[in-house]
Amino acid sequence: MNIIPIHVTDEAGKRHTLDGIEGWRVMEIIRDYGLPIKAECGGACACATCHVYVATEWVDKLIPPNSEETMMLDDAMAVEDNSRLSCQIILSPELEGLEVTLAPNP
């Protein structure tokens, strides 16, 4: 089991360093640490309640969003150029130190 740290900033602006497991979805890591992320569909890319903002320096290091993710983001609130669904980001060694910020959730 390969442990990979990521950094998550919550809606209050507090930065958390979380140890994730390679192959897990970033949404699962955030949820399992108890941070406030809805993730209503459980990672099926059927909602946008795991919306995050990816730090600019990490955007190009991620696999680009597929058409399903893009459609879900079209319905999300406060979408930015660096918006992603955290359920679609699979943790790998290349993402050690990944920085994301939780997007506002109604």
N, C-alpha and C. Protein backbone atom coordinates (compact mmCIF):
# COMPACT_ATOMS: atom_id res chain seq x y z
N MET A 1 0.85 -1.18 0.00
CA MET A 1 0.00 0.00 0.00
C MET A 1 0.89 1.24 0.00
N ASN A 2 0.68 2.08 -0.99
CA ASN A 2 1.49 3.28 -1.16
C ASN A 2 0.72 4.48 -0.60
N ILE A 3 1.26 5.14 0.44
CA ILE A 3 0.63 6.31 1.06
C ILE A 3 1.15 7.57 0.37
N ILE A 4 0.20 8.42 -0.06
CA ILE A 4 0.54 9.63 -0.81
C ILE A 4 -0.16 10.83 -0.15
N PRO A 5 0.60 11.79 0.35
CA PRO A 5 -0.03 12.97 0.97
C PRO A 5 -0.61 13.93 -0.06
N ILE A 6 -1.77 14.48 0.27
CA ILE A 6 -2.39 15.55 -0.51
C ILE A 6 -2.78 16.66 0.45
N HIS A 7 -3.06 17.84 -0.09
CA HIS A 7 -3.43 18.99 0.74
C HIS A 7 -4.80 19.48 0.31
N VAL A 8 -5.68 19.62 1.28
CA VAL A 8 -7.05 20.04 1.02
C VAL A 8 -7.36 21.26 1.88
N THR A 9 -7.84 22.32 1.23
CA THR A 9 -8.27 23.51 1.95
C THR A 9 -9.79 23.48 2.02
N ASP A 10 -10.32 23.59 3.24
CA ASP A 10 -11.77 23.54 3.41
C ASP A 10 -12.39 24.91 3.14
N GLU A 11 -13.71 24.99 3.22
CA GLU A 11 -14.41 26.24 2.90
C GLU A 11 -14.07 27.37 3.86
N ALA A 12 -13.59 27.03 5.06
CA ALA A 12 -13.20 28.05 6.03
C ALA A 12 -11.78 28.54 5.79
N GLY A 13 -11.08 27.95 4.82
CA GLY A 13 -9.72 28.36 4.52
C GLY A 13 -8.65 27.60 5.27
N LYS A 14 -9.04 26.57 6.03
CA LYS A 14 -8.06 25.78 6.79
C LYS A 14 -7.47 24.69 5.89
N ARG A 15 -6.15 24.61 5.89
CA ARG A 15 -5.44 23.62 5.06
C ARG A 15 -5.21 22.35 5.86
N HIS A 16 -5.53 21.22 5.24
CA HIS A 16 -5.38 19.91 5.87
C HIS A 16 -4.45 19.07 5.00
N THR A 17 -3.50 18.38 5.62
CA THR A 17 -2.67 17.43 4.89
C THR A 17 -3.23 16.05 5.20
N LEU A 18 -3.63 15.34 4.14
CA LEU A 18 -4.26 14.04 4.29
C LEU A 18 -3.38 12.97 3.64
N ASP A 19 -3.26 11.84 4.30
CA ASP A 19 -2.53 10.71 3.71
C ASP A 19 -3.53 9.87 2.93
N GLY A 20 -3.33 9.79 1.63
CA GLY A 20 -4.21 9.01 0.77
C GLY A 20 -3.54 7.73 0.35
N ILE A 21 -4.33 6.81 -0.16
CA ILE A 21 -3.84 5.53 -0.63
C ILE A 21 -3.87 5.53 -2.16
N GLU A 22 -2.78 5.12 -2.75
CA GLU A 22 -2.70 5.05 -4.21
C GLU A 22 -3.88 4.26 -4.75
N GLY A 23 -4.51 4.80 -5.80
CA GLY A 23 -5.64 4.14 -6.43
C GLY A 23 -6.99 4.59 -5.91
N TRP A 24 -7.00 5.30 -4.78
CA TRP A 24 -8.26 5.81 -4.23
C TRP A 24 -8.63 7.10 -4.93
N ARG A 25 -9.92 7.39 -4.92
CA ARG A 25 -10.41 8.66 -5.45
C ARG A 25 -10.14 9.75 -4.41
N VAL A 26 -9.78 10.94 -4.87
CA VAL A 26 -9.53 12.04 -3.94
C VAL A 26 -10.78 12.30 -3.09
N MET A 27 -11.95 12.14 -3.68
CA MET A 27 -13.20 12.32 -2.93
C MET A 27 -13.26 11.36 -1.74
N GLU A 28 -12.86 10.10 -1.93
CA GLU A 28 -12.90 9.11 -0.85
C GLU A 28 -11.96 9.51 0.29
N ILE A 29 -10.81 10.03 -0.07
CA ILE A 29 -9.83 10.43 0.94
C ILE A 29 -10.39 11.60 1.76
N ILE A 30 -10.93 12.59 1.07
CA ILE A 30 -11.50 13.76 1.76
C ILE A 30 -12.64 13.33 2.67
N ARG A 31 -13.55 12.51 2.15
CA ARG A 31 -14.71 12.04 2.92
C ARG A 31 -14.27 11.21 4.14
N ASP A 32 -13.32 10.31 3.93
CA ASP A 32 -12.89 9.43 5.02
C ASP A 32 -12.17 10.17 6.14
N TYR A 33 -11.59 11.33 5.83
CA TYR A 33 -10.98 12.16 6.87
C TYR A 33 -12.01 13.01 7.59
N GLY A 34 -13.25 12.98 7.12
CA GLY A 34 -14.32 13.71 7.80
C GLY A 34 -14.46 15.16 7.41
N LEU A 35 -13.81 15.56 6.32
CA LEU A 35 -13.98 16.93 5.86
C LEU A 35 -15.35 17.07 5.20
N PRO A 36 -15.92 18.28 5.21
CA PRO A 36 -17.29 18.47 4.73
C PRO A 36 -17.40 18.43 3.19
N ILE A 37 -17.57 17.23 2.67
CA ILE A 37 -17.79 17.05 1.23
C ILE A 37 -19.01 16.14 1.10
N LYS A 38 -19.98 16.55 0.31
CA LYS A 38 -21.22 15.79 0.21
C LYS A 38 -21.04 14.47 -0.52
N ALA A 39 -20.51 14.51 -1.72
CA ALA A 39 -20.27 13.29 -2.50
C ALA A 39 -21.49 12.39 -2.51
N GLU A 40 -22.62 12.97 -2.87
CA GLU A 40 -23.91 12.27 -2.77
C GLU A 40 -24.00 11.00 -3.61
N CYS A 41 -23.34 10.97 -4.77
CA CYS A 41 -23.45 9.78 -5.62
C CYS A 41 -22.39 8.74 -5.30
N GLY A 42 -21.51 9.03 -4.37
CA GLY A 42 -20.51 8.05 -3.96
C GLY A 42 -19.40 7.81 -4.95
N GLY A 43 -19.25 8.68 -5.92
CA GLY A 43 -18.15 8.55 -6.86
C GLY A 43 -18.55 8.06 -8.23
N ALA A 44 -19.85 8.06 -8.52
CA ALA A 44 -20.35 7.55 -9.80
C ALA A 44 -20.39 8.62 -10.89
N CYS A 45 -19.90 9.81 -10.61
CA CYS A 45 -19.91 10.94 -11.56
C CYS A 45 -21.35 11.25 -11.98
N ALA A 46 -22.26 11.19 -11.00
CA ALA A 46 -23.67 11.44 -11.28
C ALA A 46 -24.19 12.68 -10.57
N CYS A 47 -23.31 13.42 -9.92
CA CYS A 47 -23.68 14.68 -9.28
C CYS A 47 -22.43 15.55 -9.31
N ALA A 48 -22.48 16.69 -8.72
CA ALA A 48 -21.28 17.55 -8.67
C ALA A 48 -20.99 17.99 -7.24
N THR A 49 -21.42 17.18 -6.28
CA THR A 49 -21.28 17.58 -4.88
C THR A 49 -19.89 17.29 -4.30
N CYS A 50 -18.97 16.81 -5.13
CA CYS A 50 -17.58 16.62 -4.70
C CYS A 50 -16.66 17.59 -5.46
N HIS A 51 -17.26 18.67 -5.92
CA HIS A 51 -16.57 19.70 -6.70
C HIS A 51 -15.42 20.31 -5.89
N VAL A 52 -14.25 20.38 -6.51
CA VAL A 52 -13.08 21.02 -5.90
C VAL A 52 -12.41 21.93 -6.93
N TYR A 53 -11.59 22.83 -6.41
CA TYR A 53 -10.73 23.66 -7.25
C TYR A 53 -9.32 23.10 -7.12
N VAL A 54 -8.71 22.79 -8.23
CA VAL A 54 -7.35 22.25 -8.25
C VAL A 54 -6.38 23.43 -8.36
N ALA A 55 -5.35 23.42 -7.52
CA ALA A 55 -4.34 24.48 -7.58
C ALA A 55 -3.77 24.55 -8.99
N THR A 56 -3.55 25.76 -9.47
CA THR A 56 -3.13 26.01 -10.85
C THR A 56 -1.96 25.14 -11.28
N GLU A 57 -0.97 24.99 -10.43
CA GLU A 57 0.22 24.23 -10.80
C GLU A 57 -0.03 22.73 -10.96
N TRP A 58 -1.21 22.27 -10.54
CA TRP A 58 -1.55 20.84 -10.64
C TRP A 58 -2.51 20.53 -11.79
N VAL A 59 -3.17 21.51 -12.34
CA VAL A 59 -4.21 21.28 -13.36
C VAL A 59 -3.69 20.45 -14.51
N ASP A 60 -2.55 20.79 -15.07
CA ASP A 60 -2.02 20.08 -16.23
C ASP A 60 -1.43 18.72 -15.90
N LYS A 61 -1.29 18.40 -14.61
CA LYS A 61 -0.74 17.11 -14.20
C LYS A 61 -1.84 16.05 -14.08
N LEU A 62 -3.09 16.49 -14.14
CA LEU A 62 -4.22 15.57 -14.02
C LEU A 62 -4.65 15.07 -15.40
N ILE A 63 -5.23 13.89 -15.42
CA ILE A 63 -5.86 13.41 -16.64
C ILE A 63 -7.02 14.34 -16.93
N PRO A 64 -7.17 14.81 -18.16
CA PRO A 64 -8.26 15.74 -18.48
C PRO A 64 -9.64 15.14 -18.17
N PRO A 65 -10.62 16.00 -17.85
CA PRO A 65 -11.96 15.48 -17.55
C PRO A 65 -12.59 14.84 -18.78
N ASN A 66 -13.35 13.76 -18.53
CA ASN A 66 -14.08 13.13 -19.64
C ASN A 66 -15.40 13.87 -19.84
N SER A 67 -16.17 13.46 -20.83
CA SER A 67 -17.41 14.17 -21.17
C SER A 67 -18.43 14.11 -20.04
N GLU A 68 -18.48 12.99 -19.29
CA GLU A 68 -19.42 12.89 -18.16
C GLU A 68 -19.10 13.92 -17.09
N GLU A 69 -17.82 14.03 -16.75
CA GLU A 69 -17.42 14.99 -15.73
C GLU A 69 -17.71 16.41 -16.19
N THR A 70 -17.42 16.70 -17.44
CA THR A 70 -17.68 18.03 -17.98
C THR A 70 -19.17 18.37 -17.91
N MET A 71 -20.03 17.40 -18.23
CA MET A 71 -21.48 17.63 -18.15
C MET A 71 -21.91 17.89 -16.71
N MET A 72 -21.37 17.15 -15.76
CA MET A 72 -21.72 17.35 -14.35
C MET A 72 -21.25 18.72 -13.87
N LEU A 73 -20.07 19.14 -14.29
CA LEU A 73 -19.57 20.45 -13.90
C LEU A 73 -20.40 21.57 -14.50
N ASP A 74 -21.01 21.33 -15.65
CA ASP A 74 -21.89 22.33 -16.26
C ASP A 74 -23.06 22.68 -15.34
N ASP A 75 -23.45 21.74 -14.48
CA ASP A 75 -24.57 21.96 -13.56
C ASP A 75 -24.14 22.38 -12.16
N ALA A 76 -22.83 22.44 -11.93
CA ALA A 76 -22.32 22.78 -10.60
C ALA A 76 -22.35 24.30 -10.39
N MET A 77 -22.29 24.69 -9.12
CA MET A 77 -22.23 26.11 -8.76
C MET A 77 -20.78 26.57 -8.72
N ALA A 78 -20.56 27.83 -9.02
CA ALA A 78 -19.26 28.48 -8.86
C ALA A 78 -18.12 27.75 -9.57
N VAL A 79 -18.38 27.31 -10.79
CA VAL A 79 -17.37 26.60 -11.57
C VAL A 79 -16.31 27.58 -12.08
N GLU A 80 -15.07 27.16 -11.97
CA GLU A 80 -13.92 27.94 -12.44
C GLU A 80 -13.14 27.09 -13.46
N ASP A 81 -12.15 27.68 -14.10
CA ASP A 81 -11.34 26.94 -15.06
C ASP A 81 -10.62 25.76 -14.43
N ASN A 82 -10.35 25.83 -13.13
CA ASN A 82 -9.63 24.76 -12.43
C ASN A 82 -10.57 23.84 -11.64
N SER A 83 -11.86 23.86 -11.97
CA SER A 83 -12.83 23.01 -11.29
C SER A 83 -12.71 21.57 -11.76
N ARG A 84 -12.82 20.65 -10.82
CA ARG A 84 -12.85 19.22 -11.12
C ARG A 84 -13.77 18.54 -10.11
N LEU A 85 -14.22 17.35 -10.46
CA LEU A 85 -14.94 16.51 -9.51
C LEU A 85 -13.90 15.62 -8.85
N SER A 86 -13.83 15.68 -7.53
CA SER A 86 -12.78 14.93 -6.84
C SER A 86 -12.97 13.42 -6.96
N CYS A 87 -14.17 12.97 -7.32
CA CYS A 87 -14.38 11.54 -7.53
C CYS A 87 -13.73 11.05 -8.81
N GLN A 88 -13.33 11.96 -9.67
CA GLN A 88 -12.72 11.58 -10.94
C GLN A 88 -11.19 11.74 -10.93
N ILE A 89 -10.64 12.11 -9.77
CA ILE A 89 -9.18 12.23 -9.64
C ILE A 89 -8.70 11.02 -8.85
N ILE A 90 -7.98 10.13 -9.52
CA ILE A 90 -7.46 8.91 -8.90
C ILE A 90 -6.04 9.19 -8.43
N LEU A 91 -5.79 8.92 -7.15
CA LEU A 91 -4.50 9.23 -6.56
C LEU A 91 -3.41 8.30 -7.09
N SER A 92 -2.32 8.90 -7.52
CA SER A 92 -1.16 8.17 -8.02
C SER A 92 0.10 8.83 -7.46
N PRO A 93 1.23 8.14 -7.51
CA PRO A 93 2.47 8.74 -6.99
C PRO A 93 2.79 10.09 -7.62
N GLU A 94 2.40 10.30 -8.87
CA GLU A 94 2.67 11.57 -9.55
C GLU A 94 1.90 12.72 -8.92
N LEU A 95 0.87 12.40 -8.14
CA LEU A 95 0.04 13.44 -7.53
C LEU A 95 0.41 13.71 -6.07
N GLU A 96 1.57 13.22 -5.64
CA GLU A 96 2.01 13.49 -4.27
C GLU A 96 2.11 14.99 -4.06
N GLY A 97 1.40 15.50 -3.05
CA GLY A 97 1.40 16.93 -2.76
C GLY A 97 0.29 17.69 -3.46
N LEU A 98 -0.60 16.99 -4.16
CA LEU A 98 -1.73 17.63 -4.85
C LEU A 98 -2.43 18.61 -3.92
N GLU A 99 -2.80 19.76 -4.46
CA GLU A 99 -3.47 20.80 -3.69
C GLU A 99 -4.85 21.04 -4.28
N VAL A 100 -5.90 20.86 -3.47
CA VAL A 100 -7.26 21.17 -3.89
C VAL A 100 -7.96 21.97 -2.80
N THR A 101 -8.97 22.71 -3.22
CA THR A 101 -9.82 23.48 -2.30
C THR A 101 -11.25 23.06 -2.51
N LEU A 102 -11.97 22.80 -1.43
CA LEU A 102 -13.37 22.42 -1.54
C LEU A 102 -14.18 23.59 -2.09
N ALA A 103 -15.00 23.32 -3.07
CA ALA A 103 -15.88 24.35 -3.65
C ALA A 103 -17.09 24.52 -2.74
N PRO A 104 -17.75 25.68 -2.81
CA PRO A 104 -18.93 25.88 -1.99
C PRO A 104 -20.01 24.87 -2.36
N ASN A 105 -20.66 24.35 -1.35
CA ASN A 105 -21.75 23.39 -1.56
C ASN A 105 -23.00 23.91 -0.88
N PRO A 106 -24.10 23.95 -1.61
CA PRO A 106 -25.34 24.46 -1.00
C PRO A 106 -25.88 23.51 0.06
